[in-house]
Every structure is written in C-alpha cells, then in structure tokens.
Amino acid sequence: AQRAVDKALQAGVGLAILVEGSPTCGSTYVHDGTFTGVTIAGRGVAAEALRRRGIPVFSHYDLDRAAAALAEHERQHGNG
C-alpha cells in the first residue's frame, strides 16, 4: 500500500479508481478474508492509505463520479 501511495504522489495522481471489494483496494466494502463471499463495510489498506494522503479513491463501479472529480481536479490544477 505504501509503495502505491509513493508512486501515486510521485506521478501527481489526481485520483484513483480501484476494484471494489478487494481487501487492498475496496473503497466502501471489502471481503472479510474468509473466502465465503462475505463482505464488510470499510476500505482496503491501499484505498485508505491513498485517502489519508489526499488522493480521492473511487470504486470501479462509480466511473461517472470519478470522471466528474477528475474534470474538477483538472480545472483546479490547470490541466484541463
């Protein structure tokens, strides 16, 4: 997770789109680790680490919101 954050910060990433449900990448829920399909509310370790460093994280199911956030980021930072 820390390497992902370091690379994202070095690259100037404006946001991350991660796979929902993953224990690493889940942005609203994660699998509980029992391999039974049970999920629990919460964030994966990389998703949480990115958010703590100010990088917004979106689920791969929420691409419309991610696109809107990216457009706003680009307007604010002169990249769009």
PDB file of N, CA and C in Angstrom:
ATOM      1  N   ALA A   1       0.830  -1.191   0.000  1.00  0.00           N
ATOM      2  CA  ALA A   1       0.000   0.000   0.000  1.00  0.00           C
ATOM      3  C   ALA A   1       0.875   1.255   0.000  1.00  0.00           C
ATOM      4  N   GLN A   2       1.934   1.233   0.782  1.00  0.00           N
ATOM      5  CA  GLN A   2       2.789   2.417   0.854  1.00  0.00           C
ATOM      6  C   GLN A   2       3.490   2.679  -0.471  1.00  0.00           C
ATOM      7  N   ARG A   3       3.907   1.628  -1.160  1.00  0.00           N
ATOM      8  CA  ARG A   3       4.522   1.819  -2.479  1.00  0.00           C
ATOM      9  C   ARG A   3       3.549   2.443  -3.463  1.00  0.00           C
ATOM     10  N   ALA A   4       2.293   2.004  -3.407  1.00  0.00           N
ATOM     11  CA  ALA A   4       1.274   2.573  -4.285  1.00  0.00           C
ATOM     12  C   ALA A   4       1.097   4.058  -3.997  1.00  0.00           C
ATOM     13  N   VAL A   5       1.061   4.428  -2.743  1.00  0.00           N
ATOM     14  CA  VAL A   5       0.929   5.839  -2.363  1.00  0.00           C
ATOM     15  C   VAL A   5       2.142   6.624  -2.839  1.00  0.00           C
ATOM     16  N   ASP A   6       3.331   6.096  -2.596  1.00  0.00           N
ATOM     17  CA  ASP A   6       4.555   6.792  -3.021  1.00  0.00           C
ATOM     18  C   ASP A   6       4.565   7.018  -4.531  1.00  0.00           C
ATOM     19  N   LYS A   7       4.234   5.984  -5.288  1.00  0.00           N
ATOM     20  CA  LYS A   7       4.215   6.105  -6.755  1.00  0.00           C
ATOM     21  C   LYS A   7       3.146   7.103  -7.202  1.00  0.00           C
ATOM     22  N   ALA A   8       1.978   7.054  -6.576  1.00  0.00           N
ATOM     23  CA  ALA A   8       0.904   7.981  -6.936  1.00  0.00           C
ATOM     24  C   ALA A   8       1.317   9.423  -6.666  1.00  0.00           C
ATOM     25  N   LEU A   9       1.947   9.661  -5.536  1.00  0.00           N
ATOM     26  CA  LEU A   9       2.384  11.015  -5.204  1.00  0.00           C
ATOM     27  C   LEU A   9       3.478  11.484  -6.159  1.00  0.00           C
ATOM     28  N   GLN A  10       4.411  10.610  -6.490  1.00  0.00           N
ATOM     29  CA  GLN A  10       5.480  10.959  -7.427  1.00  0.00           C
ATOM     30  C   GLN A  10       4.924  11.298  -8.806  1.00  0.00           C
ATOM     31  N   ALA A  11       3.883  10.596  -9.212  1.00  0.00           N
ATOM     32  CA  ALA A  11       3.301  10.797 -10.538  1.00  0.00           C
ATOM     33  C   ALA A  11       2.292  11.948 -10.574  1.00  0.00           C
ATOM     34  N   GLY A  12       1.968  12.511  -9.414  1.00  0.00           N
ATOM     35  CA  GLY A  12       0.993  13.591  -9.374  1.00  0.00           C
ATOM     36  C   GLY A  12      -0.425  13.137  -9.662  1.00  0.00           C
ATOM     37  N   VAL A  13      -0.749  11.934  -9.250  1.00  0.00           N
ATOM     38  CA  VAL A  13      -2.075  11.368  -9.490  1.00  0.00           C
ATOM     39  C   VAL A  13      -3.148  12.228  -8.829  1.00  0.00           C
ATOM     40  N   GLY A  14      -4.227  12.489  -9.571  1.00  0.00           N
ATOM     41  CA  GLY A  14      -5.318  13.309  -9.052  1.00  0.00           C
ATOM     42  C   GLY A  14      -6.394  12.508  -8.353  1.00  0.00           C
ATOM     43  N   LEU A  15      -6.527  11.244  -8.717  1.00  0.00           N
ATOM     44  CA  LEU A  15      -7.492  10.353  -8.072  1.00  0.00           C
ATOM     45  C   LEU A  15      -7.160   8.929  -8.455  1.00  0.00           C
ATOM     46  N   ALA A  16      -7.761   7.989  -7.734  1.00  0.00           N
ATOM     47  CA  ALA A  16      -7.534   6.571  -8.016  1.00  0.00           C
ATOM     48  C   ALA A  16      -8.874   5.881  -8.233  1.00  0.00           C
ATOM     49  N   ILE A  17      -8.905   4.978  -9.194  1.00  0.00           N
ATOM     50  CA  ILE A  17     -10.060   4.114  -9.417  1.00  0.00           C
ATOM     51  C   ILE A  17      -9.593   2.701  -9.088  1.00  0.00           C
ATOM     52  N   LEU A  18     -10.200   2.112  -8.060  1.00  0.00           N
ATOM     53  CA  LEU A  18      -9.766   0.816  -7.561  1.00  0.00           C
ATOM     54  C   LEU A  18     -10.911  -0.185  -7.578  1.00  0.00           C
ATOM     55  N   VAL A  19     -10.569  -1.463  -7.503  1.00  0.00           N
ATOM     56  CA  VAL A  19     -11.555  -2.541  -7.572  1.00  0.00           C
ATOM     57  C   VAL A  19     -12.272  -2.683  -6.228  1.00  0.00           C
ATOM     58  N   GLU A  20     -13.587  -2.457  -6.263  1.00  0.00           N
ATOM     59  CA  GLU A  20     -14.401  -2.556  -5.050  1.00  0.00           C
ATOM     60  C   GLU A  20     -14.389  -3.976  -4.509  1.00  0.00           C
ATOM     61  N   GLY A  21     -14.351  -4.091  -3.191  1.00  0.00           N
ATOM     62  CA  GLY A  21     -14.418  -5.386  -2.528  1.00  0.00           C
ATOM     63  C   GLY A  21     -13.070  -5.976  -2.180  1.00  0.00           C
ATOM     64  N   SER A  22     -12.034  -5.548  -2.865  1.00  0.00           N
ATOM     65  CA  SER A  22     -10.698  -6.074  -2.607  1.00  0.00           C
ATOM     66  C   SER A  22     -10.224  -5.649  -1.214  1.00  0.00           C
ATOM     67  N   PRO A  23      -9.583  -6.544  -0.471  1.00  0.00           N
ATOM     68  CA  PRO A  23      -9.040  -6.161   0.839  1.00  0.00           C
ATOM     69  C   PRO A  23      -7.976  -5.063   0.737  1.00  0.00           C
ATOM     70  N   THR A  24      -7.412  -4.898  -0.436  1.00  0.00           N
ATOM     71  CA  THR A  24      -6.442  -3.831  -0.649  1.00  0.00           C
ATOM     72  C   THR A  24      -7.100  -2.593  -1.208  1.00  0.00           C
ATOM     73  N   CYS A  25      -7.999  -2.757  -2.138  1.00  0.00           N
ATOM     74  CA  CYS A  25      -8.493  -1.628  -2.932  1.00  0.00           C
ATOM     75  C   CYS A  25      -9.924  -1.209  -2.667  1.00  0.00           C
ATOM     76  N   GLY A  26     -10.689  -1.949  -1.909  1.00  0.00           N
ATOM     77  CA  GLY A  26     -12.091  -1.610  -1.691  1.00  0.00           C
ATOM     78  C   GLY A  26     -12.245  -0.189  -1.169  1.00  0.00           C
ATOM     79  N   SER A  27     -13.190   0.548  -1.746  1.00  0.00           N
ATOM     80  CA  SER A  27     -13.375   1.931  -1.302  1.00  0.00           C
ATOM     81  C   SER A  27     -14.572   2.093  -0.372  1.00  0.00           C
ATOM     82  N   THR A  28     -15.511   1.161  -0.399  1.00  0.00           N
ATOM     83  CA  THR A  28     -16.645   1.219   0.524  1.00  0.00           C
ATOM     84  C   THR A  28     -16.891  -0.107   1.238  1.00  0.00           C
ATOM     85  N   TYR A  29     -16.441  -1.219   0.651  1.00  0.00           N
ATOM     86  CA  TYR A  29     -16.556  -2.508   1.325  1.00  0.00           C
ATOM     87  C   TYR A  29     -15.411  -3.416   0.897  1.00  0.00           C
ATOM     88  N   VAL A  30     -15.125  -4.400   1.739  1.00  0.00           N
ATOM     89  CA  VAL A  30     -14.069  -5.369   1.455  1.00  0.00           C
ATOM     90  C   VAL A  30     -14.572  -6.764   1.803  1.00  0.00           C
ATOM     91  N   HIS A  31     -13.977  -7.765   1.184  1.00  0.00           N
ATOM     92  CA  HIS A  31     -14.273  -9.146   1.573  1.00  0.00           C
ATOM     93  C   HIS A  31     -13.638  -9.393   2.938  1.00  0.00           C
ATOM     94  N   ASP A  32     -14.285 -10.210   3.744  1.00  0.00           N
ATOM     95  CA  ASP A  32     -13.842 -10.376   5.130  1.00  0.00           C
ATOM     96  C   ASP A  32     -12.666 -11.324   5.318  1.00  0.00           C
ATOM     97  N   GLY A  33     -12.166 -11.911   4.251  1.00  0.00           N
ATOM     98  CA  GLY A  33     -10.988 -12.779   4.352  1.00  0.00           C
ATOM     99  C   GLY A  33     -11.294 -14.245   4.606  1.00  0.00           C
ATOM    100  N   THR A  34     -12.571 -14.600   4.692  1.00  0.00           N
ATOM    101  CA  THR A  34     -12.930 -15.997   4.950  1.00  0.00           C
ATOM    102  C   THR A  34     -13.147 -16.794   3.673  1.00  0.00           C
ATOM    103  N   PHE A  35     -13.093 -16.123   2.526  1.00  0.00           N
ATOM    104  CA  PHE A  35     -13.307 -16.758   1.225  1.00  0.00           C
ATOM    105  C   PHE A  35     -14.694 -17.395   1.113  1.00  0.00           C
ATOM    106  N   THR A  36     -15.672 -16.771   1.791  1.00  0.00           N
ATOM    107  CA  THR A  36     -17.050 -17.242   1.734  1.00  0.00           C
ATOM    108  C   THR A  36     -17.955 -16.256   1.013  1.00  0.00           C
ATOM    109  N   GLY A  37     -17.390 -15.172   0.482  1.00  0.00           N
ATOM    110  CA  GLY A  37     -18.181 -14.158  -0.207  1.00  0.00           C
ATOM    111  C   GLY A  37     -18.760 -13.100   0.710  1.00  0.00           C
ATOM    112  N   VAL A  38     -18.475 -13.199   1.997  1.00  0.00           N
ATOM    113  CA  VAL A  38     -18.988 -12.224   2.953  1.00  0.00           C
ATOM    114  C   VAL A  38     -18.186 -10.928   2.834  1.00  0.00           C
ATOM    115  N   THR A  39     -18.915  -9.815   2.788  1.00  0.00           N
ATOM    116  CA  THR A  39     -18.259  -8.508   2.732  1.00  0.00           C
ATOM    117  C   THR A  39     -18.613  -7.708   3.971  1.00  0.00           C
ATOM    118  N   ILE A  40     -17.744  -6.753   4.280  1.00  0.00           N
ATOM    119  CA  ILE A  40     -17.978  -5.857   5.407  1.00  0.00           C
ATOM    120  C   ILE A  40     -17.708  -4.423   4.949  1.00  0.00           C
ATOM    121  N   ALA A  41     -18.397  -3.497   5.560  1.00  0.00           N
ATOM    122  CA  ALA A  41     -18.183  -2.087   5.246  1.00  0.00           C
ATOM    123  C   ALA A  41     -16.769  -1.697   5.651  1.00  0.00           C
ATOM    124  N   GLY A  42     -16.137  -0.887   4.827  1.00  0.00           N
ATOM    125  CA  GLY A  42     -14.802  -0.411   5.143  1.00  0.00           C
ATOM    126  C   GLY A  42     -13.970  -0.237   3.897  1.00  0.00           C
ATOM    127  N   ARG A  43     -12.739   0.204   4.110  1.00  0.00           N
ATOM    128  CA  ARG A  43     -11.809   0.439   3.000  1.00  0.00           C
ATOM    129  C   ARG A  43     -10.646  -0.536   3.071  1.00  0.00           C
ATOM    130  N   GLY A  44     -10.120  -0.861   1.892  1.00  0.00           N
ATOM    131  CA  GLY A  44      -8.914  -1.664   1.822  1.00  0.00           C
ATOM    132  C   GLY A  44      -7.702  -0.850   2.245  1.00  0.00           C
ATOM    133  N   VAL A  45      -6.600  -1.527   2.496  1.00  0.00           N
ATOM    134  CA  VAL A  45      -5.421  -0.846   3.039  1.00  0.00           C
ATOM    135  C   VAL A  45      -4.846   0.188   2.068  1.00  0.00           C
ATOM    136  N   ALA A  46      -4.793  -0.099   0.790  1.00  0.00           N
ATOM    137  CA  ALA A  46      -4.258   0.878  -0.173  1.00  0.00           C
ATOM    138  C   ALA A  46      -5.238   2.030  -0.354  1.00  0.00           C
ATOM    139  N   ALA A  47      -6.525   1.718  -0.436  1.00  0.00           N
ATOM    140  CA  ALA A  47      -7.536   2.769  -0.580  1.00  0.00           C
ATOM    141  C   ALA A  47      -7.455   3.740   0.594  1.00  0.00           C
ATOM    142  N   GLU A  48      -7.347   3.219   1.791  1.00  0.00           N
ATOM    143  CA  GLU A  48      -7.265   4.077   2.974  1.00  0.00           C
ATOM    144  C   GLU A  48      -5.967   4.884   2.976  1.00  0.00           C
ATOM    145  N   ALA A  49      -4.864   4.260   2.604  1.00  0.00           N
ATOM    146  CA  ALA A  49      -3.581   4.966   2.575  1.00  0.00           C
ATOM    147  C   ALA A  49      -3.608   6.107   1.558  1.00  0.00           C
ATOM    148  N   LEU A  50      -4.201   5.867   0.391  1.00  0.00           N
ATOM    149  CA  LEU A  50      -4.308   6.924  -0.621  1.00  0.00           C
ATOM    150  C   LEU A  50      -5.170   8.070  -0.103  1.00  0.00           C
ATOM    151  N   ARG A  51      -6.296   7.755   0.491  1.00  0.00           N
ATOM    152  CA  ARG A  51      -7.185   8.801   1.018  1.00  0.00           C
ATOM    153  C   ARG A  51      -6.502   9.613   2.111  1.00  0.00           C
ATOM    154  N   ARG A  52      -5.754   8.954   2.975  1.00  0.00           N
ATOM    155  CA  ARG A  52      -5.043   9.687   4.047  1.00  0.00           C
ATOM    156  C   ARG A  52      -4.059  10.690   3.470  1.00  0.00           C
ATOM    157  N   ARG A  53      -3.535  10.418   2.282  1.00  0.00           N
ATOM    158  CA  ARG A  53      -2.583  11.326   1.635  1.00  0.00           C
ATOM    159  C   ARG A  53      -3.274  12.304   0.697  1.00  0.00           C
ATOM    160  N   GLY A  54      -4.603  12.336   0.739  1.00  0.00           N
ATOM    161  CA  GLY A  54      -5.347  13.330  -0.021  1.00  0.00           C
ATOM    162  C   GLY A  54      -5.712  12.936  -1.434  1.00  0.00           C
ATOM    163  N   ILE A  55      -5.545  11.678  -1.785  1.00  0.00           N
ATOM    164  CA  ILE A  55      -5.906  11.217  -3.129  1.00  0.00           C
ATOM    165  C   ILE A  55      -7.292  10.580  -3.060  1.00  0.00           C
ATOM    166  N   PRO A  56      -8.282  11.191  -3.706  1.00  0.00           N
ATOM    167  CA  PRO A  56      -9.628  10.613  -3.684  1.00  0.00           C
ATOM    168  C   PRO A  56      -9.640   9.238  -4.343  1.00  0.00           C
ATOM    169  N   VAL A  57     -10.402   8.331  -3.768  1.00  0.00           N
ATOM    170  CA  VAL A  57     -10.487   6.959  -4.266  1.00  0.00           C
ATOM    171  C   VAL A  57     -11.934   6.675  -4.672  1.00  0.00           C
ATOM    172  N   PHE A  58     -12.095   6.110  -5.859  1.00  0.00           N
ATOM    173  CA  PHE A  58     -13.403   5.763  -6.376  1.00  0.00           C
ATOM    174  C   PHE A  58     -13.438   4.285  -6.728  1.00  0.00           C
ATOM    175  N   SER A  59     -14.608   3.705  -6.594  1.00  0.00           N
ATOM    176  CA  SER A  59     -14.844   2.326  -6.994  1.00  0.00           C
ATOM    177  C   SER A  59     -14.895   2.228  -8.517  1.00  0.00           C
ATOM    178  N   HIS A  60     -14.526   1.078  -9.038  1.00  0.00           N
ATOM    179  CA  HIS A  60     -14.657   0.850 -10.475  1.00  0.00           C
ATOM    180  C   HIS A  60     -16.123   0.819 -10.887  1.00  0.00           C
ATOM    181  N   TYR A  61     -17.033   0.760  -9.937  1.00  0.00           N
ATOM    182  CA  TYR A  61     -18.466   0.843 -10.222  1.00  0.00           C
ATOM    183  C   TYR A  61     -18.960   2.288 -10.292  1.00  0.00           C
ATOM    184  N   ASP A  62     -18.108   3.239  -9.953  1.00  0.00           N
ATOM    185  CA  ASP A  62     -18.527   4.634  -9.832  1.00  0.00           C
ATOM    186  C   ASP A  62     -17.738   5.535 -10.790  1.00  0.00           C
ATOM    187  N   LEU A  63     -17.653   5.117 -12.037  1.00  0.00           N
ATOM    188  CA  LEU A  63     -16.828   5.832 -13.012  1.00  0.00           C
ATOM    189  C   LEU A  63     -17.363   7.222 -13.352  1.00  0.00           C
ATOM    190  N   ASP A  64     -18.680   7.402 -13.315  1.00  0.00           N
ATOM    191  CA  ASP A  64     -19.235   8.735 -13.608  1.00  0.00           C
ATOM    192  C   ASP A  64     -18.785   9.753 -12.570  1.00  0.00           C
ATOM    193  N   ARG A  65     -18.850   9.378 -11.296  1.00  0.00           N
ATOM    194  CA  ARG A  65     -18.390  10.295 -10.234  1.00  0.00           C
ATOM    195  C   ARG A  65     -16.888  10.526 -10.333  1.00  0.00           C
ATOM    196  N   ALA A  66     -16.139   9.486 -10.666  1.00  0.00           N
ATOM    197  CA  ALA A  66     -14.689   9.624 -10.816  1.00  0.00           C
ATOM    198  C   ALA A  66     -14.361  10.576 -11.957  1.00  0.00           C
ATOM    199  N   ALA A  67     -15.069  10.460 -13.074  1.00  0.00           N
ATOM    200  CA  ALA A  67     -14.833  11.349 -14.213  1.00  0.00           C
ATOM    201  C   ALA A  67     -15.141  12.795 -13.852  1.00  0.00           C
ATOM    202  N   ALA A  68     -16.220  13.024 -13.119  1.00  0.00           N
ATOM    203  CA  ALA A  68     -16.566  14.384 -12.694  1.00  0.00           C
ATOM    204  C   ALA A  68     -15.504  14.936 -11.753  1.00  0.00           C
ATOM    205  N   ALA A  69     -15.021  14.113 -10.832  1.00  0.00           N
ATOM    206  CA  ALA A  69     -13.980  14.555  -9.901  1.00  0.00           C
ATOM    207  C   ALA A  69     -12.682  14.852 -10.637  1.00  0.00           C
ATOM    208  N   LEU A  70     -12.346  14.040 -11.639  1.00  0.00           N
ATOM    209  CA  LEU A  70     -11.136  14.276 -12.414  1.00  0.00           C
ATOM    210  C   LEU A  70     -11.244  15.578 -13.207  1.00  0.00           C
ATOM    211  N   ALA A  71     -12.397  15.826 -13.797  1.00  0.00           N
ATOM    212  CA  ALA A  71     -12.597  17.074 -14.543  1.00  0.00           C
ATOM    213  C   ALA A  71     -12.437  18.275 -13.611  1.00  0.00           C
ATOM    214  N   GLU A  72     -12.981  18.176 -12.416  1.00  0.00           N
ATOM    215  CA  GLU A  72     -12.844  19.272 -11.443  1.00  0.00           C
ATOM    216  C   GLU A  72     -11.387  19.442 -11.022  1.00  0.00           C
ATOM    217  N   HIS A  73     -10.692  18.340 -10.789  1.00  0.00           N
ATOM    218  CA  HIS A  73      -9.271  18.386 -10.433  1.00  0.00           C
ATOM    219  C   HIS A  73      -8.468  19.082 -11.530  1.00  0.00           C
ATOM    220  N   GLU A  74      -8.747  18.726 -12.782  1.00  0.00           N
ATOM    221  CA  GLU A  74      -8.023  19.321 -13.903  1.00  0.00           C
ATOM    222  C   GLU A  74      -8.330  20.808 -14.041  1.00  0.00           C
ATOM    223  N   ARG A  75      -9.578  21.214 -13.781  1.00  0.00           N
ATOM    224  CA  ARG A  75      -9.922  22.650 -13.808  1.00  0.00           C
ATOM    225  C   ARG A  75      -9.147  23.410 -12.742  1.00  0.00           C
ATOM    226  N   GLN A  76      -9.062  22.830 -11.562  1.00  0.00           N
ATOM    227  CA  GLN A  76      -8.386  23.487 -10.437  1.00  0.00           C
ATOM    228  C   GLN A  76      -6.881  23.555 -10.612  1.00  0.00           C
ATOM    229  N   HIS A  77      -6.324  22.586 -11.296  1.00  0.00           N
ATOM    230  CA  HIS A  77      -4.867  22.499 -11.432  1.00  0.00           C
ATOM    231  C   HIS A  77      -4.367  22.878 -12.821  1.00  0.00           C
ATOM    232  N   GLY A  78      -5.238  23.412 -13.663  1.00  0.00           N
ATOM    233  CA  GLY A  78      -4.819  23.895 -14.963  1.00  0.00           C
ATOM    234  C   GLY A  78      -4.460  22.833 -15.969  1.00  0.00           C
ATOM    235  N   ASN A  79      -4.985  21.615 -15.802  1.00  0.00           N
ATOM    236  CA  ASN A  79      -4.667  20.530 -16.730  1.00  0.00           C
ATOM    237  C   ASN A  79      -5.811  20.213 -17.676  1.00  0.00           C
ATOM    238  N   GLY A  80      -6.850  21.021 -17.670  1.00  0.00           N
ATOM    239  CA  GLY A  80      -7.973  20.640 -18.497  1.00  0.00           C
ATOM    240  C   GLY A  80      -8.569  21.784 -19.256  1.00  0.00           C
TER     241      GLY A  80
END
